[in-house]
């Protein structure tokens, strides 16, 4: 017995409806159809580990266990008393020599140069040793010594020109004459310049601190 013939142009199942003809990938109404397998068994697997336990962290995240950057370098210490005193002594010697060369060249003392000696000593010492009171006191004392050294060098240069003998001979063989000349020529301005050096040293130390 023959089967009944189906009428032509039957309505088709809409896309996304119930499974059609046993198609397991046909979606439910109102839902997108699931993607068909691509044949790549590793397509949906997460990326393999790289061996770096911090590879997944976002930029700016800190180190594990809640800490910041590991092994952060400590800031250099400035309150080094002995080094600050040593710098004050060295700066006083160098600045005193420069002051003496200026004074001997123009054959007179300059107040601004004495202030410069003290300021340089105090500033350099405080930059290295910090604002320690001992460093400031040492800067003031060494500044007085630096200005005094400069005055002796200036007198030695003047005596060297007057006596027509080398400067090294005046300092090495006639240093007692130099100190005697300083004592005889010292006046109010001489001691004022010594005091200006000490005051400027304190100001330089405070400026650096």
Protein backbone atom coordinates (compact mmCIF):
# COMPACT_ATOMS: atom_id res chain seq x y z
CA UNK A 1 0.00 0.00 0.00
CA UNK A 2 1.51 3.31 -1.01
CA UNK A 3 2.36 6.12 1.48
CA UNK A 4 0.45 9.39 1.31
CA UNK A 5 2.24 12.11 -0.56
CA UNK A 6 3.21 15.14 1.54
CA UNK A 7 1.91 18.43 0.30
CA UNK A 8 4.62 20.71 -1.13
CA UNK A 9 6.07 23.80 0.60
CA UNK A 10 5.40 22.79 4.17
CA UNK A 11 6.28 25.50 6.75
CA UNK A 12 9.79 25.08 8.14
CA UNK A 13 10.84 25.12 11.77
CA UNK A 14 12.02 28.67 12.68
CA UNK A 15 15.71 29.20 13.51
CA UNK A 16 16.38 28.70 17.18
CA UNK A 17 13.26 26.67 17.79
CA UNK A 18 12.88 23.10 18.92
CA UNK A 19 15.37 20.51 17.67
CA UNK A 20 14.76 19.78 14.03
CA UNK A 21 15.24 16.31 12.67
CA UNK A 22 17.42 15.29 15.61
CA UNK A 23 19.79 18.33 15.41
CA UNK A 24 21.23 18.63 18.95
CA UNK A 25 22.63 22.13 18.24
CA UNK A 26 19.38 23.82 17.46
CA UNK A 27 18.81 26.43 20.19
CA UNK A 28 15.80 27.12 22.29
CA UNK A 29 13.45 29.92 21.37
CA UNK A 30 14.98 33.32 22.18
CA UNK A 31 18.44 31.88 22.87
CA UNK A 32 21.46 31.92 20.56
CA UNK A 33 22.45 28.60 19.18
CA UNK A 34 25.57 27.12 20.82
CA UNK A 35 28.71 27.14 18.75
CA UNK A 36 29.54 23.94 17.02
CA UNK A 37 32.75 22.22 18.02
CA UNK A 38 35.71 23.27 15.92
CA UNK A 39 37.60 20.05 16.21
CA UNK A 40 40.37 21.69 18.34
CA UNK A 41 40.34 19.92 21.75
CA UNK A 42 42.44 22.79 23.24
CA UNK A 43 40.37 25.67 21.96
CA UNK A 44 38.52 26.37 25.21
CA UNK A 45 41.32 25.52 27.63
CA UNK A 46 42.98 28.32 29.68
CA UNK A 47 46.54 29.34 28.70
CA UNK A 48 49.25 27.14 30.07
CA UNK A 49 51.20 28.44 33.08
CA UNK A 50 54.36 30.37 32.21
CA UNK A 51 56.30 29.58 35.39
CA UNK A 52 56.00 33.18 36.66
CA UNK A 53 53.72 33.20 39.73
CA UNK A 54 53.18 36.98 39.33
CA UNK A 55 52.39 36.94 35.60
CA UNK A 56 48.68 37.44 36.17
CA UNK A 57 49.04 40.52 38.38
CA UNK A 58 48.00 43.87 37.05
CA UNK A 59 50.55 46.72 36.81
CA UNK A 60 50.82 48.67 40.02
CA UNK A 61 49.93 45.74 42.27
CA UNK A 62 52.27 45.25 45.18
CA UNK A 63 54.30 42.23 46.06
CA UNK A 64 52.52 39.18 47.59
CA UNK A 65 51.60 39.03 51.28
CA UNK A 66 50.40 42.65 51.22
CA UNK A 67 53.86 44.26 51.15
CA UNK A 68 55.18 46.98 48.89
CA UNK A 69 58.15 46.75 46.58
CA UNK A 70 60.57 44.18 48.02
CA UNK A 71 63.97 45.31 49.24
CA UNK A 72 63.36 49.06 48.83
CA UNK A 73 66.68 50.92 49.29
CA UNK A 74 66.93 52.95 52.46
CA UNK A 75 67.58 56.71 52.05
CA UNK A 76 71.18 57.75 52.71
CA UNK A 77 71.82 58.99 56.21
CA UNK A 78 72.80 62.64 56.51
CA UNK A 79 73.43 62.85 60.23
CA UNK A 80 77.02 61.68 60.08
CA UNK A 81 78.75 63.70 62.78
CA UNK A 82 82.37 62.70 62.17
CA UNK A 83 82.14 63.11 58.41
CA UNK A 84 80.45 66.48 58.80
CA UNK A 85 83.25 67.74 61.07
CA UNK A 86 85.88 66.44 58.64
CA UNK A 87 84.18 68.23 55.75
CA UNK A 88 84.06 71.43 57.79
CA UNK A 89 87.81 71.23 58.42
CA UNK A 90 88.65 70.54 54.79
CA UNK A 91 86.38 73.32 53.53
CA UNK A 92 87.92 75.77 56.02
CA UNK A 93 91.43 75.02 54.76
CA UNK A 94 90.51 75.33 51.09
CA UNK A 95 88.40 78.47 51.58
CA UNK A 96 91.06 80.01 53.81
CA UNK A 97 93.72 79.55 51.15
CA UNK A 98 91.51 81.15 48.52
CA UNK A 99 90.75 84.03 50.88
CA UNK A 100 94.45 84.55 51.55
CA UNK A 101 95.29 84.61 47.83
CA UNK A 102 92.62 87.26 47.24
CA UNK A 103 93.74 89.36 50.20
CA UNK A 104 97.42 89.10 49.24
CA UNK A 105 96.73 89.96 45.60
CA UNK A 106 94.87 93.20 46.39
CA UNK A 107 96.85 93.80 49.62
CA UNK A 108 93.75 94.29 51.70
CA UNK A 109 91.08 92.24 53.42
CA UNK A 110 87.58 91.93 52.01
CA UNK A 111 84.65 91.45 54.30
CA UNK A 112 82.59 89.65 51.68
CA UNK A 113 85.38 87.12 51.23
CA UNK A 114 85.42 86.39 54.97
CA UNK A 115 81.65 85.89 54.88
CA UNK A 116 82.08 83.59 51.91
CA UNK A 117 84.58 81.46 53.82
CA UNK A 118 82.18 80.94 56.71
CA UNK A 119 79.15 80.30 54.53
CA UNK A 120 80.98 77.71 52.43
CA UNK A 121 82.23 75.86 55.49
CA UNK A 122 78.86 75.76 57.23
CA UNK A 123 76.93 74.84 54.10
CA UNK A 124 79.25 71.98 53.09
CA UNK A 125 79.46 70.55 56.61
CA UNK A 126 75.70 70.61 57.16
CA UNK A 127 75.02 69.06 53.77
CA UNK A 128 77.05 66.03 54.83
CA UNK A 129 76.62 65.94 58.60
CA UNK A 130 73.08 67.28 58.92
CA UNK A 131 71.85 69.92 61.33
CA UNK A 132 73.64 68.44 64.31
CA UNK A 133 74.58 71.20 66.80
CA UNK A 134 78.09 69.77 67.04
CA UNK A 135 78.54 70.09 63.28
CA UNK A 136 77.33 73.70 63.35
CA UNK A 137 79.65 74.55 66.25
CA UNK A 138 82.61 72.93 64.49
CA UNK A 139 81.79 74.87 61.33
CA UNK A 140 81.85 78.17 63.23
CA UNK A 141 85.19 77.37 64.92
CA UNK A 142 86.82 76.12 61.71
CA UNK A 143 85.54 79.17 59.85
CA UNK A 144 87.40 81.43 62.28
CA UNK A 145 90.49 79.34 61.67
CA UNK A 146 89.97 79.54 57.91
CA UNK A 147 89.72 83.33 57.95
CA UNK A 148 92.80 83.51 60.20
CA UNK A 149 94.70 81.22 57.82
CA UNK A 150 93.71 83.46 54.93
CA UNK A 151 94.95 86.54 56.76
CA UNK A 152 98.33 84.88 57.40
CA UNK A 153 98.62 83.86 53.75
CA UNK A 154 97.79 87.40 52.65
CA UNK A 155 100.48 88.86 54.95
CA UNK A 156 103.00 86.27 53.71
CA UNK A 157 102.33 87.26 50.10
CA UNK A 158 102.80 90.95 50.93
CA UNK A 159 106.07 90.28 52.80
CA UNK A 160 107.27 88.11 49.92
CA UNK A 161 106.78 91.03 47.51
CA UNK A 162 108.43 93.54 49.85
CA UNK A 163 111.46 91.39 50.65
CA UNK A 164 111.76 89.96 47.15
CA UNK A 165 111.99 86.41 48.45
CA UNK A 166 109.92 83.36 47.50
CA UNK A 167 106.60 82.87 49.21
CA UNK A 168 107.59 79.37 50.34
CA UNK A 169 110.64 80.80 52.12
CA UNK A 170 108.53 83.35 53.95
CA UNK A 171 106.13 80.66 55.18
CA UNK A 172 108.77 78.04 55.92
CA UNK A 173 111.63 80.12 57.41
CA UNK A 174 109.96 83.31 58.63
CA UNK A 175 106.57 82.16 59.82
CA UNK A 176 107.19 83.70 63.25
CA UNK A 177 107.68 87.04 61.51
CA UNK A 178 104.35 86.56 59.74
CA UNK A 179 102.44 85.88 62.97
CA UNK A 180 104.17 88.85 64.66
CA UNK A 181 103.17 91.10 61.78
CA UNK A 182 99.59 89.88 62.10
CA UNK A 183 99.52 90.70 65.82
CA UNK A 184 100.89 94.19 65.20
CA UNK A 185 98.56 94.95 62.32
CA UNK A 186 95.40 93.43 63.85
CA UNK A 187 92.67 95.97 64.51
CA UNK A 188 88.91 96.06 64.96
CA UNK A 189 88.26 95.10 61.34
CA UNK A 190 90.59 92.12 61.61
CA UNK A 191 88.60 90.63 64.49
CA UNK A 192 85.34 91.66 62.86
CA UNK A 193 86.18 89.57 59.83
CA UNK A 194 86.88 86.59 62.11
CA UNK A 195 83.46 87.03 63.70
CA UNK A 196 81.75 87.41 60.33
CA UNK A 197 83.18 84.08 59.27
CA UNK A 198 81.68 82.34 62.31
CA UNK A 199 78.27 83.97 61.87
CA UNK A 200 78.22 83.14 58.18
CA UNK A 201 79.07 79.50 59.00
CA UNK A 202 75.97 79.21 61.18
CA UNK A 203 73.86 80.80 58.45
CA UNK A 204 75.26 78.44 55.83
CA UNK A 205 74.56 75.43 58.02
CA UNK A 206 70.93 76.50 58.55
CA UNK A 207 70.57 77.13 54.82
CA UNK A 208 71.77 73.64 53.99
CA UNK A 209 69.64 72.02 56.70
